[in-house]
Amino acid sequence: MVAEIREKIQMLSADEKHELLRTLLKDVDGADEDADEAWRMEVVRRVKAIRNGEAAIRALQDWQE
């Protein structure tokens, strides 16, 4: 069965393979409905760190080590 599927996959275009891969990963991993919200919160956290100077301090500390 897997060998048959593999043969059929080889006939797909690159775009079709990408679409198939996204579908398979979503099926295996499940839909992550909270991912967008998590990224938004991370962006907000990083912007706050930059505004209060924390990000600049970290960069300077990394450079000094």
PDB file of N, CA and C in Angstrom:
ATOM      1  N   MET A   1       0.831  -1.201   0.000  1.00  0.00           N
ATOM      2  CA  MET A   1       0.000   0.000   0.000  1.00  0.00           C
ATOM      3  C   MET A   1       0.870   1.257   0.000  1.00  0.00           C
ATOM      4  N   VAL A   2       1.848   1.331   0.905  1.00  0.00           N
ATOM      5  CA  VAL A   2       2.714   2.510   0.984  1.00  0.00           C
ATOM      6  C   VAL A   2       3.522   2.665  -0.299  1.00  0.00           C
ATOM      7  N   ALA A   3       3.996   1.557  -0.854  1.00  0.00           N
ATOM      8  CA  ALA A   3       4.760   1.613  -2.104  1.00  0.00           C
ATOM      9  C   ALA A   3       3.913   2.196  -3.233  1.00  0.00           C
ATOM     10  N   GLU A   4       2.634   1.826  -3.288  1.00  0.00           N
ATOM     11  CA  GLU A   4       1.736   2.359  -4.313  1.00  0.00           C
ATOM     12  C   GLU A   4       1.555   3.865  -4.139  1.00  0.00           C
ATOM     13  N   ILE A   5       1.369   4.267  -2.915  1.00  0.00           N
ATOM     14  CA  ILE A   5       1.192   5.698  -2.626  1.00  0.00           C
ATOM     15  C   ILE A   5       2.456   6.459  -2.987  1.00  0.00           C
ATOM     16  N   ARG A   6       3.621   5.890  -2.628  1.00  0.00           N
ATOM     17  CA  ARG A   6       4.900   6.525  -2.937  1.00  0.00           C
ATOM     18  C   ARG A   6       5.049   6.741  -4.441  1.00  0.00           C
ATOM     19  N   GLU A   7       4.687   5.749  -5.230  1.00  0.00           N
ATOM     20  CA  GLU A   7       4.765   5.870  -6.690  1.00  0.00           C
ATOM     21  C   GLU A   7       3.872   6.999  -7.187  1.00  0.00           C
ATOM     22  N   LYS A   8       2.666   7.098  -6.640  1.00  0.00           N
ATOM     23  CA  LYS A   8       1.745   8.148  -7.059  1.00  0.00           C
ATOM     24  C   LYS A   8       2.255   9.522  -6.648  1.00  0.00           C
ATOM     25  N   ILE A   9       2.881   9.600  -5.490  1.00  0.00           N
ATOM     26  CA  ILE A   9       3.425  10.881  -5.022  1.00  0.00           C
ATOM     27  C   ILE A   9       4.511  11.372  -5.970  1.00  0.00           C
ATOM     28  N   GLN A  10       5.311  10.461  -6.481  1.00  0.00           N
ATOM     29  CA  GLN A  10       6.391  10.842  -7.400  1.00  0.00           C
ATOM     30  C   GLN A  10       5.859  11.506  -8.670  1.00  0.00           C
ATOM     31  N   MET A  11       4.607  11.258  -9.015  1.00  0.00           N
ATOM     32  CA  MET A  11       4.009  11.847 -10.213  1.00  0.00           C
ATOM     33  C   MET A  11       3.437  13.248  -9.952  1.00  0.00           C
ATOM     34  N   LEU A  12       3.381  13.665  -8.709  1.00  0.00           N
ATOM     35  CA  LEU A  12       2.823  14.971  -8.373  1.00  0.00           C
ATOM     36  C   LEU A  12       3.811  16.088  -8.671  1.00  0.00           C
ATOM     37  N   SER A  13       3.273  17.272  -8.901  1.00  0.00           N
ATOM     38  CA  SER A  13       4.118  18.459  -9.049  1.00  0.00           C
ATOM     39  C   SER A  13       4.620  18.882  -7.664  1.00  0.00           C
ATOM     40  N   ALA A  14       5.579  19.780  -7.637  1.00  0.00           N
ATOM     41  CA  ALA A  14       6.102  20.272  -6.360  1.00  0.00           C
ATOM     42  C   ALA A  14       4.997  20.929  -5.537  1.00  0.00           C
ATOM     43  N   ASP A  15       4.149  21.719  -6.180  1.00  0.00           N
ATOM     44  CA  ASP A  15       3.044  22.372  -5.460  1.00  0.00           C
ATOM     45  C   ASP A  15       2.078  21.348  -4.873  1.00  0.00           C
ATOM     46  N   GLU A  16       1.785  20.317  -5.635  1.00  0.00           N
ATOM     47  CA  GLU A  16       0.882  19.273  -5.137  1.00  0.00           C
ATOM     48  C   GLU A  16       1.503  18.515  -3.969  1.00  0.00           C
ATOM     49  N   LYS A  17       2.807  18.284  -4.053  1.00  0.00           N
ATOM     50  CA  LYS A  17       3.509  17.618  -2.944  1.00  0.00           C
ATOM     51  C   LYS A  17       3.472  18.472  -1.677  1.00  0.00           C
ATOM     52  N   HIS A  18       3.656  19.783  -1.829  1.00  0.00           N
ATOM     53  CA  HIS A  18       3.580  20.682  -0.677  1.00  0.00           C
ATOM     54  C   HIS A  18       2.189  20.657  -0.049  1.00  0.00           C
ATOM     55  N   GLU A  19       1.176  20.685  -0.899  1.00  0.00           N
ATOM     56  CA  GLU A  19      -0.201  20.639  -0.396  1.00  0.00           C
ATOM     57  C   GLU A  19      -0.459  19.324   0.344  1.00  0.00           C
ATOM     58  N   LEU A  20       0.011  18.224  -0.224  1.00  0.00           N
ATOM     59  CA  LEU A  20      -0.148  16.923   0.414  1.00  0.00           C
ATOM     60  C   LEU A  20       0.582  16.882   1.756  1.00  0.00           C
ATOM     61  N   LEU A  21       1.782  17.419   1.784  1.00  0.00           N
ATOM     62  CA  LEU A  21       2.559  17.440   3.026  1.00  0.00           C
ATOM     63  C   LEU A  21       1.850  18.244   4.106  1.00  0.00           C
ATOM     64  N   ARG A  22       1.341  19.425   3.749  1.00  0.00           N
ATOM     65  CA  ARG A  22       0.597  20.235   4.725  1.00  0.00           C
ATOM     66  C   ARG A  22      -0.609  19.466   5.265  1.00  0.00           C
ATOM     67  N   THR A  23      -1.313  18.777   4.362  1.00  0.00           N
ATOM     68  CA  THR A  23      -2.475  17.991   4.778  1.00  0.00           C
ATOM     69  C   THR A  23      -2.073  16.871   5.723  1.00  0.00           C
ATOM     70  N   LEU A  24      -1.007  16.152   5.391  1.00  0.00           N
ATOM     71  CA  LEU A  24      -0.553  15.053   6.238  1.00  0.00           C
ATOM     72  C   LEU A  24      -0.079  15.540   7.599  1.00  0.00           C
ATOM     73  N   LEU A  25       0.674  16.638   7.619  1.00  0.00           N
ATOM     74  CA  LEU A  25       1.152  17.170   8.894  1.00  0.00           C
ATOM     75  C   LEU A  25      -0.004  17.632   9.768  1.00  0.00           C
ATOM     76  N   LYS A  26      -0.984  18.268   9.154  1.00  0.00           N
ATOM     77  CA  LYS A  26      -2.155  18.704   9.917  1.00  0.00           C
ATOM     78  C   LYS A  26      -2.889  17.504  10.488  1.00  0.00           C
ATOM     79  N   ASP A  27      -2.970  16.439   9.708  1.00  0.00           N
ATOM     80  CA  ASP A  27      -3.656  15.231  10.148  1.00  0.00           C
ATOM     81  C   ASP A  27      -2.903  14.554  11.293  1.00  0.00           C
ATOM     82  N   VAL A  28      -1.591  14.511  11.200  1.00  0.00           N
ATOM     83  CA  VAL A  28      -0.783  13.850  12.227  1.00  0.00           C
ATOM     84  C   VAL A  28      -0.702  14.697  13.492  1.00  0.00           C
ATOM     85  N   ASP A  29      -0.420  15.988  13.331  1.00  0.00           N
ATOM     86  CA  ASP A  29      -0.240  16.879  14.476  1.00  0.00           C
ATOM     87  C   ASP A  29      -1.546  17.404  15.030  1.00  0.00           C
ATOM     88  N   GLY A  30      -2.583  17.407  14.253  1.00  0.00           N
ATOM     89  CA  GLY A  30      -3.846  18.008  14.662  1.00  0.00           C
ATOM     90  C   GLY A  30      -3.792  19.501  14.423  1.00  0.00           C
ATOM     91  N   ALA A  31      -4.922  20.092  14.329  1.00  0.00           N
ATOM     92  CA  ALA A  31      -5.000  21.540  14.101  1.00  0.00           C
ATOM     93  C   ALA A  31      -4.620  22.269  15.376  1.00  0.00           C
ATOM     94  N   ASP A  32      -3.784  23.262  15.231  1.00  0.00           N
ATOM     95  CA  ASP A  32      -3.381  24.070  16.380  1.00  0.00           C
ATOM     96  C   ASP A  32      -4.103  25.407  16.290  1.00  0.00           C
ATOM     97  N   GLU A  33      -5.285  25.435  16.858  1.00  0.00           N
ATOM     98  CA  GLU A  33      -6.117  26.624  16.761  1.00  0.00           C
ATOM     99  C   GLU A  33      -5.548  27.791  17.551  1.00  0.00           C
ATOM    100  N   ASP A  34      -4.688  27.520  18.525  1.00  0.00           N
ATOM    101  CA  ASP A  34      -4.147  28.579  19.359  1.00  0.00           C
ATOM    102  C   ASP A  34      -2.831  29.136  18.835  1.00  0.00           C
ATOM    103  N   ALA A  35      -2.317  28.608  17.723  1.00  0.00           N
ATOM    104  CA  ALA A  35      -1.015  29.028  17.225  1.00  0.00           C
ATOM    105  C   ALA A  35      -0.992  30.513  16.872  1.00  0.00           C
ATOM    106  N   ASP A  36      -2.013  31.005  16.177  1.00  0.00           N
ATOM    107  CA  ASP A  36      -2.040  32.419  15.800  1.00  0.00           C
ATOM    108  C   ASP A  36      -2.039  33.317  17.032  1.00  0.00           C
ATOM    109  N   GLU A  37      -2.827  32.966  18.014  1.00  0.00           N
ATOM    110  CA  GLU A  37      -2.877  33.756  19.246  1.00  0.00           C
ATOM    111  C   GLU A  37      -1.541  33.708  19.975  1.00  0.00           C
ATOM    112  N   ALA A  38      -0.910  32.559  19.992  1.00  0.00           N
ATOM    113  CA  ALA A  38       0.399  32.429  20.650  1.00  0.00           C
ATOM    114  C   ALA A  38       1.439  33.303  19.957  1.00  0.00           C
ATOM    115  N   TRP A  39       1.421  33.346  18.623  1.00  0.00           N
ATOM    116  CA  TRP A  39       2.369  34.198  17.900  1.00  0.00           C
ATOM    117  C   TRP A  39       2.087  35.668  18.166  1.00  0.00           C
ATOM    118  N   ARG A  40       0.807  36.042  18.211  1.00  0.00           N
ATOM    119  CA  ARG A  40       0.482  37.442  18.509  1.00  0.00           C
ATOM    120  C   ARG A  40       1.010  37.837  19.878  1.00  0.00           C
ATOM    121  N   MET A  41       0.838  36.964  20.852  1.00  0.00           N
ATOM    122  CA  MET A  41       1.313  37.266  22.209  1.00  0.00           C
ATOM    123  C   MET A  41       2.841  37.360  22.243  1.00  0.00           C
ATOM    124  N   GLU A  42       3.519  36.516  21.475  1.00  0.00           N
ATOM    125  CA  GLU A  42       4.981  36.560  21.417  1.00  0.00           C
ATOM    126  C   GLU A  42       5.461  37.865  20.794  1.00  0.00           C
ATOM    127  N   VAL A  43       4.791  38.308  19.749  1.00  0.00           N
ATOM    128  CA  VAL A  43       5.152  39.581  19.122  1.00  0.00           C
ATOM    129  C   VAL A  43       4.973  40.721  20.113  1.00  0.00           C
ATOM    130  N   VAL A  44       3.863  40.721  20.821  1.00  0.00           N
ATOM    131  CA  VAL A  44       3.621  41.760  21.823  1.00  0.00           C
ATOM    132  C   VAL A  44       4.711  41.731  22.894  1.00  0.00           C
ATOM    133  N   ARG A  45       5.080  40.544  23.357  1.00  0.00           N
ATOM    134  CA  ARG A  45       6.125  40.413  24.376  1.00  0.00           C
ATOM    135  C   ARG A  45       7.451  40.971  23.864  1.00  0.00           C
ATOM    136  N   ARG A  46       7.787  40.670  22.620  1.00  0.00           N
ATOM    137  CA  ARG A  46       9.058  41.142  22.062  1.00  0.00           C
ATOM    138  C   ARG A  46       9.058  42.656  21.863  1.00  0.00           C
ATOM    139  N   VAL A  47       7.940  43.198  21.414  1.00  0.00           N
ATOM    140  CA  VAL A  47       7.845  44.648  21.234  1.00  0.00           C
ATOM    141  C   VAL A  47       7.997  45.350  22.578  1.00  0.00           C
ATOM    142  N   LYS A  48       7.357  44.837  23.611  1.00  0.00           N
ATOM    143  CA  LYS A  48       7.497  45.417  24.945  1.00  0.00           C
ATOM    144  C   LYS A  48       8.939  45.359  25.415  1.00  0.00           C
ATOM    145  N   ALA A  49       9.622  44.248  25.151  1.00  0.00           N
ATOM    146  CA  ALA A  49      11.026  44.108  25.552  1.00  0.00           C
ATOM    147  C   ALA A  49      11.895  45.131  24.838  1.00  0.00           C
ATOM    148  N   ILE A  50      11.614  45.394  23.590  1.00  0.00           N
ATOM    149  CA  ILE A  50      12.377  46.392  22.840  1.00  0.00           C
ATOM    150  C   ILE A  50      12.094  47.782  23.390  1.00  0.00           C
ATOM    151  N   ARG A  51      10.818  48.086  23.629  1.00  0.00           N
ATOM    152  CA  ARG A  51      10.448  49.415  24.111  1.00  0.00           C
ATOM    153  C   ARG A  51      11.013  49.729  25.497  1.00  0.00           C
ATOM    154  N   ASN A  52      11.076  48.715  26.381  1.00  0.00           N
ATOM    155  CA  ASN A  52      11.584  49.007  27.720  1.00  0.00           C
ATOM    156  C   ASN A  52      13.093  48.810  27.822  1.00  0.00           C
ATOM    157  N   GLY A  53      13.736  48.530  26.692  1.00  0.00           N
ATOM    158  CA  GLY A  53      15.191  48.433  26.668  1.00  0.00           C
ATOM    159  C   GLY A  53      15.732  47.061  27.034  1.00  0.00           C
ATOM    160  N   GLU A  54      14.873  46.149  27.406  1.00  0.00           N
ATOM    161  CA  GLU A  54      15.334  44.818  27.807  1.00  0.00           C
ATOM    162  C   GLU A  54      16.009  44.085  26.647  1.00  0.00           C
ATOM    163  N   ALA A  55      15.469  44.205  25.454  1.00  0.00           N
ATOM    164  CA  ALA A  55      16.039  43.513  24.297  1.00  0.00           C
ATOM    165  C   ALA A  55      17.416  44.065  23.973  1.00  0.00           C
ATOM    166  N   ALA A  56      17.569  45.367  24.064  1.00  0.00           N
ATOM    167  CA  ALA A  56      18.866  45.972  23.796  1.00  0.00           C
ATOM    168  C   ALA A  56      19.887  45.537  24.837  1.00  0.00           C
ATOM    169  N   ILE A  57      19.465  45.420  26.086  1.00  0.00           N
ATOM    170  CA  ILE A  57      20.367  44.985  27.150  1.00  0.00           C
ATOM    171  C   ILE A  57      20.809  43.542  26.899  1.00  0.00           C
ATOM    172  N   ARG A  58      19.908  42.692  26.514  1.00  0.00           N
ATOM    173  CA  ARG A  58      20.261  41.303  26.216  1.00  0.00           C
ATOM    174  C   ARG A  58      21.264  41.242  25.072  1.00  0.00           C
ATOM    175  N   ALA A  59      21.036  42.013  24.024  1.00  0.00           N
ATOM    176  CA  ALA A  59      21.942  41.996  22.884  1.00  0.00           C
ATOM    177  C   ALA A  59      23.336  42.450  23.316  1.00  0.00           C
ATOM    178  N   LEU A  60      23.426  43.478  24.135  1.00  0.00           N
ATOM    179  CA  LEU A  60      24.709  43.971  24.619  1.00  0.00           C
ATOM    180  C   LEU A  60      25.391  42.922  25.485  1.00  0.00           C
ATOM    181  N   GLN A  61      24.636  42.261  26.346  1.00  0.00           N
ATOM    182  CA  GLN A  61      25.201  41.213  27.197  1.00  0.00           C
ATOM    183  C   GLN A  61      25.716  40.057  26.346  1.00  0.00           C
ATOM    184  N   ASP A  62      25.003  39.655  25.325  1.00  0.00           N
ATOM    185  CA  ASP A  62      25.452  38.590  24.441  1.00  0.00           C
ATOM    186  C   ASP A  62      26.755  38.986  23.733  1.00  0.00           C
ATOM    187  N   TRP A  63      26.846  40.233  23.308  1.00  0.00           N
ATOM    188  CA  TRP A  63      28.019  40.718  22.601  1.00  0.00           C
ATOM    189  C   TRP A  63      29.247  40.749  23.522  1.00  0.00           C
ATOM    190  N   GLN A  64      29.061  41.088  24.776  1.00  0.00           N
ATOM    191  CA  GLN A  64      30.162  41.199  25.717  1.00  0.00           C
ATOM    192  C   GLN A  64      30.720  39.845  26.134  1.00  0.00           C
ATOM    193  N   GLU A  65      29.949  38.783  26.030  1.00  0.00           N
ATOM    194  CA  GLU A  65      30.407  37.463  26.478  1.00  0.00           C
ATOM    195  C   GLU A  65      31.335  36.807  25.521  1.00  0.00           C
TER     196      GLU A  65
END
